Amino acid sequence: MDQNTSTNFSDLIKKSVLENFNSDISIITILLTMSIAFVIGLFIYLLYKRVFSGVLYSKSFNVSLIGMTLITALVIIAINSNLVLSLGMVGALSIVRFRTPIKDPTDLIFLFWAAVAGIVTGAGFYTLAVVGSVIVGMVLFIFIKSASFETPYLLVVNCDSAESEQAILQKLNSLVKRFNVKQKTVTDSGVEMTVEVRLGQDDPRFVNEITKLSGVSNAVLISYSGDYVSQ
């Protein structure tokens, strides 16, 4: 009795595993899956382009988000079709190493989103992939855009004396929403300051007022993402 029960249980496990793999994939299923993956990838592409707030926008990175969604969906379709292929592909993918450095954590979120969207779409959960992507996109759009209302800049100013330095800080206090001195270098020829400034509106014309101050030799305004690393 116990041997029959054990045999039946083993057969049940084998049957349930084998039923989850379908080697006969219709062309309609492939086209539908890849089309949905492309639409989701295009949505990720457009959203990344819209909310990007870094210094240099990389179109190649953004296009790779579409490619990652499509390729991941294709891999999952193949894995779902054959048990042996799925085990071999998992082993092959486990030794893949990605060497490209990701400097912005937001880029990592978009990469992970593209990969997950491809996995879910390739597995056939179309509704989950579409609805989930819309929700994730709305959350990212709201929080990223709300964080960029105060446009960050780095202002590099060269002046000839401490009096000119105080005049610059007083002028900044009246022109920008808030500022913070990040670096100050004093030499025999004068003073160089690196100041982080936050603007309520994206209007960098305040630099013209700084250059008119007495003792100011030059002023350079640099747009950046908000992460400052002193060298």
Foldseek 3Di string as FASTA:
>chain_A
DVVVVVVVVVVVVVVVVVVQAAQDDDPVLLVVLLVLLLVLLVVLLVLCVVLPQFADDDNVLSVVLSVLLNVLLVQLLVLSHDVVSVVVVVVVVVPDDDDDDDPDVVSVVSNVLSNVLSNCSSSPVSVCSVVVSVVVSVVCNVVSVVVPLFFKKKKKWWFADVVLVVVLVVLLVVVAPDKDWDDWDQDNRTIITIMITTHNHPDPPSLVVSCPGPGIPHMDMGGGDPDDDDD
